[in-house]
Every structure is written in C-alpha cells, then in structure tokens.
Amino acid sequence: MNALRASSSFAALADPTRQRIVEMLAAGALSSGEIAGHFKLSPPAISQHLKALKEARLVSVRTDRQRRIYSLDPAGVAEVADWVERIKAFWDVWRRYDGV
C-alpha cells in the first residue's frame, strides 16, 4: 500500500459513521437505502459517506435496477489489513527487543 492510498483509506475510516458502514458491510452487501435506514442522517449525507469510502477503495458499488448495492472492496480492505499486519510485526519485534 503506497502512502497516498494509505492516507486516503485511513482518512475515510477516521469518521465514526464510515467505520460503522464498513462494519455493517462486513456482514454482507446492502443497498444505500438499507444503509441509510441505520442512521439519523439524510440520504444525501449517507451518499457522501459512501462516496468517500468508494474513493478510498474500501467499498464497491453495483447497480441493481434502480438500487445501488454496496459491498466491501476485498482488494482495498486487504491493503489496509496488510499495512496493519506490517505495523503489528514491527511492534512485536520492538517489544521483544525492548524486553516489554
């Protein structure tokens, strides 16, 4: 994961509403209306959150007639997970070295 993409992903995930959307989509694909139904935000506000997640490559969207169906983007989520794993590996080495 390059620095620019990491920055975009983590910036998108910094928002609690977006975090919750990602958690919801981890259970399966949902339409934008189903997602909006879980929040006290306007549909346009939810659309902006979904757009940010899509631009960060954390979610993907497909059209089913008039509905937009969102799901996690496996490639984008994997990049974030890989980055976190690299940091965890550093932390484990540092703890062993430091004797913590």
PDB file of N, CA and C in Angstrom:
ATOM      1  N   MET A   1       0.860  -1.173   0.000  1.00  0.00           N
ATOM      2  CA  MET A   1       0.000   0.000   0.000  1.00  0.00           C
ATOM      3  C   MET A   1       0.899   1.225   0.000  1.00  0.00           C
ATOM      4  N   ASN A   2       0.719   2.094  -0.979  1.00  0.00           N
ATOM      5  CA  ASN A   2       1.551   3.297  -1.008  1.00  0.00           C
ATOM      6  C   ASN A   2       1.011   4.332  -0.019  1.00  0.00           C
ATOM      7  N   ALA A   3       1.824   5.327   0.286  1.00  0.00           N
ATOM      8  CA  ALA A   3       1.482   6.307   1.319  1.00  0.00           C
ATOM      9  C   ALA A   3       0.214   7.088   0.988  1.00  0.00           C
ATOM     10  N   LEU A   4       0.049   7.459  -0.284  1.00  0.00           N
ATOM     11  CA  LEU A   4      -1.140   8.219  -0.674  1.00  0.00           C
ATOM     12  C   LEU A   4      -2.406   7.393  -0.491  1.00  0.00           C
ATOM     13  N   ARG A   5      -2.380   6.138  -0.913  1.00  0.00           N
ATOM     14  CA  ARG A   5      -3.555   5.277  -0.767  1.00  0.00           C
ATOM     15  C   ARG A   5      -3.834   5.010   0.712  1.00  0.00           C
ATOM     16  N   ALA A   6      -2.789   4.797   1.499  1.00  0.00           N
ATOM     17  CA  ALA A   6      -2.970   4.573   2.934  1.00  0.00           C
ATOM     18  C   ALA A   6      -3.613   5.787   3.572  1.00  0.00           C
ATOM     19  N   SER A   7      -3.142   6.956   3.203  1.00  0.00           N
ATOM     20  CA  SER A   7      -3.693   8.190   3.747  1.00  0.00           C
ATOM     21  C   SER A   7      -5.174   8.309   3.416  1.00  0.00           C
ATOM     22  N   SER A   8      -5.546   8.004   2.185  1.00  0.00           N
ATOM     23  CA  SER A   8      -6.941   8.072   1.755  1.00  0.00           C
ATOM     24  C   SER A   8      -7.804   7.075   2.527  1.00  0.00           C
ATOM     25  N   SER A   9      -7.307   5.854   2.681  1.00  0.00           N
ATOM     26  CA  SER A   9      -8.068   4.822   3.395  1.00  0.00           C
ATOM     27  C   SER A   9      -8.276   5.194   4.850  1.00  0.00           C
ATOM     28  N   PHE A  10      -7.212   5.616   5.510  1.00  0.00           N
ATOM     29  CA  PHE A  10      -7.334   5.937   6.927  1.00  0.00           C
ATOM     30  C   PHE A  10      -8.111   7.221   7.157  1.00  0.00           C
ATOM     31  N   ALA A  11      -8.022   8.157   6.240  1.00  0.00           N
ATOM     32  CA  ALA A  11      -8.841   9.365   6.348  1.00  0.00           C
ATOM     33  C   ALA A  11     -10.318   9.004   6.256  1.00  0.00           C
ATOM     34  N   ALA A  12     -10.647   8.106   5.338  1.00  0.00           N
ATOM     35  CA  ALA A  12     -12.047   7.669   5.207  1.00  0.00           C
ATOM     36  C   ALA A  12     -12.507   6.950   6.461  1.00  0.00           C
ATOM     37  N   LEU A  13     -11.632   6.142   7.046  1.00  0.00           N
ATOM     38  CA  LEU A  13     -12.004   5.371   8.232  1.00  0.00           C
ATOM     39  C   LEU A  13     -11.954   6.183   9.522  1.00  0.00           C
ATOM     40  N   ALA A  14     -11.464   7.410   9.451  1.00  0.00           N
ATOM     41  CA  ALA A  14     -11.398   8.247  10.650  1.00  0.00           C
ATOM     42  C   ALA A  14     -12.778   8.691  11.117  1.00  0.00           C
ATOM     43  N   ASP A  15     -13.746   8.650  10.228  1.00  0.00           N
ATOM     44  CA  ASP A  15     -15.102   9.090  10.564  1.00  0.00           C
ATOM     45  C   ASP A  15     -15.890   7.933  11.176  1.00  0.00           C
ATOM     46  N   PRO A  16     -16.498   8.127  12.355  1.00  0.00           N
ATOM     47  CA  PRO A  16     -17.250   7.047  13.007  1.00  0.00           C
ATOM     48  C   PRO A  16     -18.413   6.506  12.174  1.00  0.00           C
ATOM     49  N   THR A  17     -19.073   7.369  11.412  1.00  0.00           N
ATOM     50  CA  THR A  17     -20.171   6.897  10.564  1.00  0.00           C
ATOM     51  C   THR A  17     -19.632   5.945   9.504  1.00  0.00           C
ATOM     52  N   ARG A  18     -18.507   6.284   8.909  1.00  0.00           N
ATOM     53  CA  ARG A  18     -17.914   5.412   7.892  1.00  0.00           C
ATOM     54  C   ARG A  18     -17.423   4.113   8.494  1.00  0.00           C
ATOM     55  N   GLN A  19     -16.895   4.183   9.695  1.00  0.00           N
ATOM     56  CA  GLN A  19     -16.479   2.958  10.374  1.00  0.00           C
ATOM     57  C   GLN A  19     -17.677   2.027  10.548  1.00  0.00           C
ATOM     58  N   ARG A  20     -18.784   2.597  10.964  1.00  0.00           N
ATOM     59  CA  ARG A  20     -19.992   1.789  11.175  1.00  0.00           C
ATOM     60  C   ARG A  20     -20.504   1.204   9.863  1.00  0.00           C
ATOM     61  N   ILE A  21     -20.434   1.973   8.786  1.00  0.00           N
ATOM     62  CA  ILE A  21     -20.853   1.473   7.471  1.00  0.00           C
ATOM     63  C   ILE A  21     -19.980   0.288   7.067  1.00  0.00           C
ATOM     64  N   VAL A  22     -18.676   0.415   7.250  1.00  0.00           N
ATOM     65  CA  VAL A  22     -17.769  -0.682   6.909  1.00  0.00           C
ATOM     66  C   VAL A  22     -18.097  -1.912   7.750  1.00  0.00           C
ATOM     67  N   GLU A  23     -18.353  -1.724   9.023  1.00  0.00           N
ATOM     68  CA  GLU A  23     -18.720  -2.845   9.893  1.00  0.00           C
ATOM     69  C   GLU A  23     -20.017  -3.511   9.421  1.00  0.00           C
ATOM     70  N   MET A  24     -20.985  -2.703   9.012  1.00  0.00           N
ATOM     71  CA  MET A  24     -22.248  -3.254   8.512  1.00  0.00           C
ATOM     72  C   MET A  24     -22.007  -4.060   7.243  1.00  0.00           C
ATOM     73  N   LEU A  25     -21.182  -3.532   6.340  1.00  0.00           N
ATOM     74  CA  LEU A  25     -20.930  -4.210   5.074  1.00  0.00           C
ATOM     75  C   LEU A  25     -20.082  -5.470   5.257  1.00  0.00           C
ATOM     76  N   ALA A  26     -19.384  -5.570   6.378  1.00  0.00           N
ATOM     77  CA  ALA A  26     -18.629  -6.794   6.665  1.00  0.00           C
ATOM     78  C   ALA A  26     -19.583  -7.982   6.816  1.00  0.00           C
ATOM     79  N   ALA A  27     -20.831  -7.715   7.155  1.00  0.00           N
ATOM     80  CA  ALA A  27     -21.834  -8.779   7.295  1.00  0.00           C
ATOM     81  C   ALA A  27     -22.503  -9.115   5.968  1.00  0.00           C
ATOM     82  N   GLY A  28     -22.306  -8.275   4.939  1.00  0.00           N
ATOM     83  CA  GLY A  28     -22.900  -8.544   3.631  1.00  0.00           C
ATOM     84  C   GLY A  28     -23.287  -7.264   2.912  1.00  0.00           C
ATOM     85  N   ALA A  29     -23.556  -7.402   1.639  1.00  0.00           N
ATOM     86  CA  ALA A  29     -23.909  -6.261   0.783  1.00  0.00           C
ATOM     87  C   ALA A  29     -25.246  -5.661   1.215  1.00  0.00           C
ATOM     88  N   LEU A  30     -25.342  -4.339   1.078  1.00  0.00           N
ATOM     89  CA  LEU A  30     -26.567  -3.612   1.422  1.00  0.00           C
ATOM     90  C   LEU A  30     -26.805  -2.513   0.401  1.00  0.00           C
ATOM     91  N   SER A  31     -28.071  -2.195   0.200  1.00  0.00           N
ATOM     92  CA  SER A  31     -28.391  -1.056  -0.663  1.00  0.00           C
ATOM     93  C   SER A  31     -28.143   0.233   0.105  1.00  0.00           C
ATOM     94  N   SER A  32     -28.016   1.317  -0.620  1.00  0.00           N
ATOM     95  CA  SER A  32     -27.803   2.609   0.037  1.00  0.00           C
ATOM     96  C   SER A  32     -28.975   2.942   0.954  1.00  0.00           C
ATOM     97  N   GLY A  33     -30.177   2.577   0.557  1.00  0.00           N
ATOM     98  CA  GLY A  33     -31.349   2.817   1.399  1.00  0.00           C
ATOM     99  C   GLY A  33     -31.306   2.015   2.686  1.00  0.00           C
ATOM    100  N   GLU A  34     -30.860   0.757   2.601  1.00  0.00           N
ATOM    101  CA  GLU A  34     -30.727  -0.067   3.809  1.00  0.00           C
ATOM    102  C   GLU A  34     -29.668   0.512   4.745  1.00  0.00           C
ATOM    103  N   ILE A  35     -28.592   0.994   4.176  1.00  0.00           N
ATOM    104  CA  ILE A  35     -27.550   1.616   4.989  1.00  0.00           C
ATOM    105  C   ILE A  35     -28.101   2.873   5.661  1.00  0.00           C
ATOM    106  N   ALA A  36     -28.749   3.718   4.889  1.00  0.00           N
ATOM    107  CA  ALA A  36     -29.290   4.970   5.420  1.00  0.00           C
ATOM    108  C   ALA A  36     -30.288   4.716   6.547  1.00  0.00           C
ATOM    109  N   GLY A  37     -31.016   3.611   6.475  1.00  0.00           N
ATOM    110  CA  GLY A  37     -32.011   3.291   7.492  1.00  0.00           C
ATOM    111  C   GLY A  37     -31.431   3.068   8.880  1.00  0.00           C
ATOM    112  N   HIS A  38     -30.122   2.878   8.973  1.00  0.00           N
ATOM    113  CA  HIS A  38     -29.473   2.641  10.258  1.00  0.00           C
ATOM    114  C   HIS A  38     -28.930   3.926  10.895  1.00  0.00           C
ATOM    115  N   PHE A  39     -29.142   5.049  10.244  1.00  0.00           N
ATOM    116  CA  PHE A  39     -28.563   6.300  10.724  1.00  0.00           C
ATOM    117  C   PHE A  39     -29.624   7.392  10.808  1.00  0.00           C
ATOM    118  N   LYS A  40     -29.368   8.370  11.641  1.00  0.00           N
ATOM    119  CA  LYS A  40     -30.223   9.550  11.733  1.00  0.00           C
ATOM    120  C   LYS A  40     -29.608  10.660  10.889  1.00  0.00           C
ATOM    121  N   LEU A  41     -29.214  10.305   9.683  1.00  0.00           N
ATOM    122  CA  LEU A  41     -28.637  11.256   8.738  1.00  0.00           C
ATOM    123  C   LEU A  41     -29.492  11.247   7.483  1.00  0.00           C
ATOM    124  N   SER A  42     -29.423  12.306   6.727  1.00  0.00           N
ATOM    125  CA  SER A  42     -30.185  12.368   5.478  1.00  0.00           C
ATOM    126  C   SER A  42     -29.568  11.423   4.448  1.00  0.00           C
ATOM    127  N   PRO A  43     -30.365  10.940   3.507  1.00  0.00           N
ATOM    128  CA  PRO A  43     -29.803  10.106   2.435  1.00  0.00           C
ATOM    129  C   PRO A  43     -28.643  10.769   1.686  1.00  0.00           C
ATOM    130  N   PRO A  44     -28.709  12.097   1.396  1.00  0.00           N
ATOM    131  CA  PRO A  44     -27.546  12.712   0.746  1.00  0.00           C
ATOM    132  C   PRO A  44     -26.280  12.654   1.612  1.00  0.00           C
ATOM    133  N   ALA A  45     -26.439  12.765   2.927  1.00  0.00           N
ATOM    134  CA  ALA A  45     -25.270  12.677   3.820  1.00  0.00           C
ATOM    135  C   ALA A  45     -24.674  11.277   3.771  1.00  0.00           C
ATOM    136  N   ILE A  46     -25.526  10.258   3.778  1.00  0.00           N
ATOM    137  CA  ILE A  46     -25.039   8.877   3.674  1.00  0.00           C
ATOM    138  C   ILE A  46     -24.348   8.672   2.333  1.00  0.00           C
ATOM    139  N   SER A  47     -24.915   9.232   1.281  1.00  0.00           N
ATOM    140  CA  SER A  47     -24.292   9.131  -0.043  1.00  0.00           C
ATOM    141  C   SER A  47     -22.890   9.715  -0.048  1.00  0.00           C
ATOM    142  N   GLN A  48     -22.689  10.808   0.656  1.00  0.00           N
ATOM    143  CA  GLN A  48     -21.355  11.407   0.729  1.00  0.00           C
ATOM    144  C   GLN A  48     -20.382  10.498   1.465  1.00  0.00           C
ATOM    145  N   HIS A  49     -20.859   9.852   2.523  1.00  0.00           N
ATOM    146  CA  HIS A  49     -20.007   8.902   3.242  1.00  0.00           C
ATOM    147  C   HIS A  49     -19.650   7.710   2.349  1.00  0.00           C
ATOM    148  N   LEU A  50     -20.632   7.205   1.621  1.00  0.00           N
ATOM    149  CA  LEU A  50     -20.381   6.079   0.722  1.00  0.00           C
ATOM    150  C   LEU A  50     -19.419   6.472  -0.393  1.00  0.00           C
ATOM    151  N   LYS A  51     -19.554   7.691  -0.879  1.00  0.00           N
ATOM    152  CA  LYS A  51     -18.644   8.175  -1.919  1.00  0.00           C
ATOM    153  C   LYS A  51     -17.211   8.214  -1.400  1.00  0.00           C
ATOM    154  N   ALA A  52     -17.019   8.696  -0.180  1.00  0.00           N
ATOM    155  CA  ALA A  52     -15.678   8.756   0.404  1.00  0.00           C
ATOM    156  C   ALA A  52     -15.086   7.357   0.560  1.00  0.00           C
ATOM    157  N   LEU A  53     -15.907   6.407   0.983  1.00  0.00           N
ATOM    158  CA  LEU A  53     -15.434   5.025   1.139  1.00  0.00           C
ATOM    159  C   LEU A  53     -15.101   4.404  -0.215  1.00  0.00           C
ATOM    160  N   LYS A  54     -15.902   4.734  -1.222  1.00  0.00           N
ATOM    161  CA  LYS A  54     -15.645   4.217  -2.567  1.00  0.00           C
ATOM    162  C   LYS A  54     -14.355   4.803  -3.130  1.00  0.00           C
ATOM    163  N   GLU A  55     -14.156   6.104  -2.969  1.00  0.00           N
ATOM    164  CA  GLU A  55     -12.939   6.750  -3.455  1.00  0.00           C
ATOM    165  C   GLU A  55     -11.698   6.216  -2.750  1.00  0.00           C
ATOM    166  N   ALA A  56     -11.858   5.767  -1.509  1.00  0.00           N
ATOM    167  CA  ALA A  56     -10.753   5.187  -0.754  1.00  0.00           C
ATOM    168  C   ALA A  56     -10.567   3.697  -1.087  1.00  0.00           C
ATOM    169  N   ARG A  57     -11.387   3.183  -1.987  1.00  0.00           N
ATOM    170  CA  ARG A  57     -11.342   1.779  -2.413  1.00  0.00           C
ATOM    171  C   ARG A  57     -11.662   0.808  -1.280  1.00  0.00           C
ATOM    172  N   LEU A  58     -12.496   1.242  -0.345  1.00  0.00           N
ATOM    173  CA  LEU A  58     -12.906   0.369   0.747  1.00  0.00           C
ATOM    174  C   LEU A  58     -14.247  -0.297   0.462  1.00  0.00           C
ATOM    175  N   VAL A  59     -15.047   0.325  -0.395  1.00  0.00           N
ATOM    176  CA  VAL A  59     -16.312  -0.283  -0.804  1.00  0.00           C
ATOM    177  C   VAL A  59     -16.425  -0.221  -2.322  1.00  0.00           C
ATOM    178  N   SER A  60     -17.231  -1.124  -2.840  1.00  0.00           N
ATOM    179  CA  SER A  60     -17.552  -1.096  -4.265  1.00  0.00           C
ATOM    180  C   SER A  60     -19.061  -1.021  -4.388  1.00  0.00           C
ATOM    181  N   VAL A  61     -19.534  -0.631  -5.558  1.00  0.00           N
ATOM    182  CA  VAL A  61     -20.971  -0.458  -5.772  1.00  0.00           C
ATOM    183  C   VAL A  61     -21.361  -1.100  -7.094  1.00  0.00           C
ATOM    184  N   ARG A  62     -22.514  -1.699  -7.080  1.00  0.00           N
ATOM    185  CA  ARG A  62     -23.103  -2.218  -8.322  1.00  0.00           C
ATOM    186  C   ARG A  62     -24.548  -1.753  -8.367  1.00  0.00           C
ATOM    187  N   THR A  63     -25.079  -1.689  -9.572  1.00  0.00           N
ATOM    188  CA  THR A  63     -26.458  -1.241  -9.757  1.00  0.00           C
ATOM    189  C   THR A  63     -27.353  -2.451  -9.986  1.00  0.00           C
ATOM    190  N   ASP A  64     -28.462  -2.471  -9.266  1.00  0.00           N
ATOM    191  CA  ASP A  64     -29.493  -3.494  -9.434  1.00  0.00           C
ATOM    192  C   ASP A  64     -30.795  -2.746  -9.704  1.00  0.00           C
ATOM    193  N   ARG A  65     -31.105  -2.615 -10.991  1.00  0.00           N
ATOM    194  CA  ARG A  65     -32.221  -1.767 -11.440  1.00  0.00           C
ATOM    195  C   ARG A  65     -32.019  -0.351 -10.939  1.00  0.00           C
ATOM    196  N   GLN A  66     -32.848   0.108 -10.011  1.00  0.00           N
ATOM    197  CA  GLN A  66     -32.710   1.486  -9.524  1.00  0.00           C
ATOM    198  C   GLN A  66     -31.959   1.562  -8.194  1.00  0.00           C
ATOM    199  N   ARG A  67     -31.549   0.424  -7.686  1.00  0.00           N
ATOM    200  CA  ARG A  67     -30.855   0.421  -6.389  1.00  0.00           C
ATOM    201  C   ARG A  67     -29.348   0.336  -6.585  1.00  0.00           C
ATOM    202  N   ARG A  68     -28.636   0.980  -5.699  1.00  0.00           N
ATOM    203  CA  ARG A  68     -27.179   0.876  -5.672  1.00  0.00           C
ATOM    204  C   ARG A  68     -26.820  -0.020  -4.493  1.00  0.00           C
ATOM    205  N   ILE A  69     -26.132  -1.113  -4.795  1.00  0.00           N
ATOM    206  CA  ILE A  69     -25.780  -2.106  -3.783  1.00  0.00           C
ATOM    207  C   ILE A  69     -24.295  -1.948  -3.442  1.00  0.00           C
ATOM    208  N   TYR A  70     -24.017  -1.767  -2.179  1.00  0.00           N
ATOM    209  CA  TYR A  70     -22.646  -1.571  -1.709  1.00  0.00           C
ATOM    210  C   TYR A  70     -22.134  -2.821  -1.010  1.00  0.00           C
ATOM    211  N   SER A  71     -20.861  -3.083  -1.212  1.00  0.00           N
ATOM    212  CA  SER A  71     -20.184  -4.176  -0.516  1.00  0.00           C
ATOM    213  C   SER A  71     -18.746  -3.754  -0.271  1.00  0.00           C
ATOM    214  N   LEU A  72     -18.078  -4.473   0.620  1.00  0.00           N
ATOM    215  CA  LEU A  72     -16.673  -4.173   0.853  1.00  0.00           C
ATOM    216  C   LEU A  72     -15.876  -4.507  -0.393  1.00  0.00           C
ATOM    217  N   ASP A  73     -14.869  -3.718  -0.678  1.00  0.00           N
ATOM    218  CA  ASP A  73     -13.954  -3.981  -1.786  1.00  0.00           C
ATOM    219  C   ASP A  73     -12.819  -4.839  -1.223  1.00  0.00           C
ATOM    220  N   PRO A  74     -12.779  -6.130  -1.570  1.00  0.00           N
ATOM    221  CA  PRO A  74     -11.775  -7.022  -0.975  1.00  0.00           C
ATOM    222  C   PRO A  74     -10.339  -6.539  -1.168  1.00  0.00           C
ATOM    223  N   ALA A  75     -10.030  -5.988  -2.326  1.00  0.00           N
ATOM    224  CA  ALA A  75      -8.659  -5.541  -2.587  1.00  0.00           C
ATOM    225  C   ALA A  75      -8.286  -4.361  -1.692  1.00  0.00           C
ATOM    226  N   GLY A  76      -9.182  -3.399  -1.566  1.00  0.00           N
ATOM    227  CA  GLY A  76      -8.899  -2.235  -0.738  1.00  0.00           C
ATOM    228  C   GLY A  76      -8.805  -2.577   0.735  1.00  0.00           C
ATOM    229  N   VAL A  77      -9.701  -3.433   1.208  1.00  0.00           N
ATOM    230  CA  VAL A  77      -9.665  -3.847   2.613  1.00  0.00           C
ATOM    231  C   VAL A  77      -8.400  -4.658   2.882  1.00  0.00           C
ATOM    232  N   ALA A  78      -8.008  -5.502   1.935  1.00  0.00           N
ATOM    233  CA  ALA A  78      -6.792  -6.301   2.095  1.00  0.00           C
ATOM    234  C   ALA A  78      -5.557  -5.410   2.202  1.00  0.00           C
ATOM    235  N   GLU A  79      -5.526  -4.330   1.433  1.00  0.00           N
ATOM    236  CA  GLU A  79      -4.384  -3.418   1.522  1.00  0.00           C
ATOM    237  C   GLU A  79      -4.274  -2.803   2.914  1.00  0.00           C
ATOM    238  N   VAL A  80      -5.393  -2.420   3.489  1.00  0.00           N
ATOM    239  CA  VAL A  80      -5.387  -1.854   4.843  1.00  0.00           C
ATOM    240  C   VAL A  80      -4.946  -2.932   5.833  1.00  0.00           C
ATOM    241  N   ALA A  81      -5.490  -4.132   5.708  1.00  0.00           N
ATOM    242  CA  ALA A  81      -5.135  -5.229   6.613  1.00  0.00           C
ATOM    243  C   ALA A  81      -3.646  -5.574   6.503  1.00  0.00           C
ATOM    244  N   ASP A  82      -3.113  -5.588   5.282  1.00  0.00           N
ATOM    245  CA  ASP A  82      -1.686  -5.875   5.090  1.00  0.00           C
ATOM    246  C   ASP A  82      -0.825  -4.814   5.772  1.00  0.00           C
ATOM    247  N   TRP A  83      -1.209  -3.558   5.643  1.00  0.00           N
ATOM    248  CA  TRP A  83      -0.460  -2.478   6.265  1.00  0.00           C
ATOM    249  C   TRP A  83      -0.468  -2.641   7.782  1.00  0.00           C
ATOM    250  N   VAL A  84      -1.635  -2.936   8.334  1.00  0.00           N
ATOM    251  CA  VAL A  84      -1.749  -3.126   9.783  1.00  0.00           C
ATOM    252  C   VAL A  84      -0.878  -4.304  10.227  1.00  0.00           C
ATOM    253  N   GLU A  85      -0.861  -5.375   9.457  1.00  0.00           N
ATOM    254  CA  GLU A  85      -0.028  -6.540   9.793  1.00  0.00           C
ATOM    255  C   GLU A  85       1.449  -6.174   9.815  1.00  0.00           C
ATOM    256  N   ARG A  86       1.890  -5.346   8.869  1.00  0.00           N
ATOM    257  CA  ARG A  86       3.296  -4.921   8.859  1.00  0.00           C
ATOM    258  C   ARG A  86       3.628  -4.118  10.113  1.00  0.00           C
ATOM    259  N   ILE A  87       2.711  -3.264  10.530  1.00  0.00           N
ATOM    260  CA  ILE A  87       2.925  -2.473  11.741  1.00  0.00           C
ATOM    261  C   ILE A  87       2.924  -3.375  12.969  1.00  0.00           C
ATOM    262  N   LYS A  88       2.029  -4.347  12.998  1.00  0.00           N
ATOM    263  CA  LYS A  88       1.992  -5.292  14.116  1.00  0.00           C
ATOM    264  C   LYS A  88       3.300  -6.069  14.196  1.00  0.00           C
ATOM    265  N   ALA A  89       3.853  -6.449  13.069  1.00  0.00           N
ATOM    266  CA  ALA A  89       5.117  -7.182  13.053  1.00  0.00           C
ATOM    267  C   ALA A  89       6.227  -6.321  13.660  1.00  0.00           C
ATOM    268  N   PHE A  90       6.262  -5.044  13.303  1.00  0.00           N
ATOM    269  CA  PHE A  90       7.241  -4.133  13.880  1.00  0.00           C
ATOM    270  C   PHE A  90       7.062  -4.056  15.394  1.00  0.00           C
ATOM    271  N   TRP A  91       5.828  -3.932  15.822  1.00  0.00           N
ATOM    272  CA  TRP A  91       5.543  -3.799  17.247  1.00  0.00           C
ATOM    273  C   TRP A  91       6.015  -5.041  18.003  1.00  0.00           C
ATOM    274  N   ASP A  92       5.769  -6.222  17.444  1.00  0.00           N
ATOM    275  CA  ASP A  92       6.207  -7.465  18.086  1.00  0.00           C
ATOM    276  C   ASP A  92       7.728  -7.514  18.205  1.00  0.00           C
ATOM    277  N   VAL A  93       8.439  -7.122  17.148  1.00  0.00           N
ATOM    278  CA  VAL A  93       9.899  -7.096  17.179  1.00  0.00           C
ATOM    279  C   VAL A  93      10.377  -6.096  18.221  1.00  0.00           C
ATOM    280  N   TRP A  94       9.785  -4.931  18.240  1.00  0.00           N
ATOM    281  CA  TRP A  94      10.187  -3.896  19.185  1.00  0.00           C
ATOM    282  C   TRP A  94       9.970  -4.351  20.628  1.00  0.00           C
ATOM    283  N   ARG A  95       8.841  -4.996  20.901  1.00  0.00           N
ATOM    284  CA  ARG A  95       8.570  -5.473  22.269  1.00  0.00           C
ATOM    285  C   ARG A  95       9.597  -6.511  22.711  1.00  0.00           C
ATOM    286  N   ARG A  96       9.957  -7.411  21.799  1.00  0.00           N
ATOM    287  CA  ARG A  96      10.964  -8.416  22.137  1.00  0.00           C
ATOM    288  C   ARG A  96      12.322  -7.746  22.397  1.00  0.00           C
ATOM    289  N   TYR A  97      12.646  -6.782  21.564  1.00  0.00           N
ATOM    290  CA  TYR A  97      13.915  -6.069  21.689  1.00  0.00           C
ATOM    291  C   TYR A  97      13.965  -5.255  22.975  1.00  0.00           C
ATOM    292  N   ASP A  98      12.873  -4.604  23.272  1.00  0.00           N
ATOM    293  CA  ASP A  98      12.809  -3.726  24.439  1.00  0.00           C
ATOM    294  C   ASP A  98      12.599  -4.495  25.732  1.00  0.00           C
ATOM    295  N   GLY A  99      12.270  -5.769  25.623  1.00  0.00           N
ATOM    296  CA  GLY A  99      12.036  -6.569  26.815  1.00  0.00           C
ATOM    297  C   GLY A  99      10.725  -6.279  27.505  1.00  0.00           C
ATOM    298  N   VAL A 100       9.808  -5.667  26.783  1.00  0.00           N
ATOM    299  CA  VAL A 100       8.498  -5.324  27.354  1.00  0.00           C
ATOM    300  C   VAL A 100       7.640  -6.550  27.435  1.00  0.00           C
TER     301      VAL A 100
END
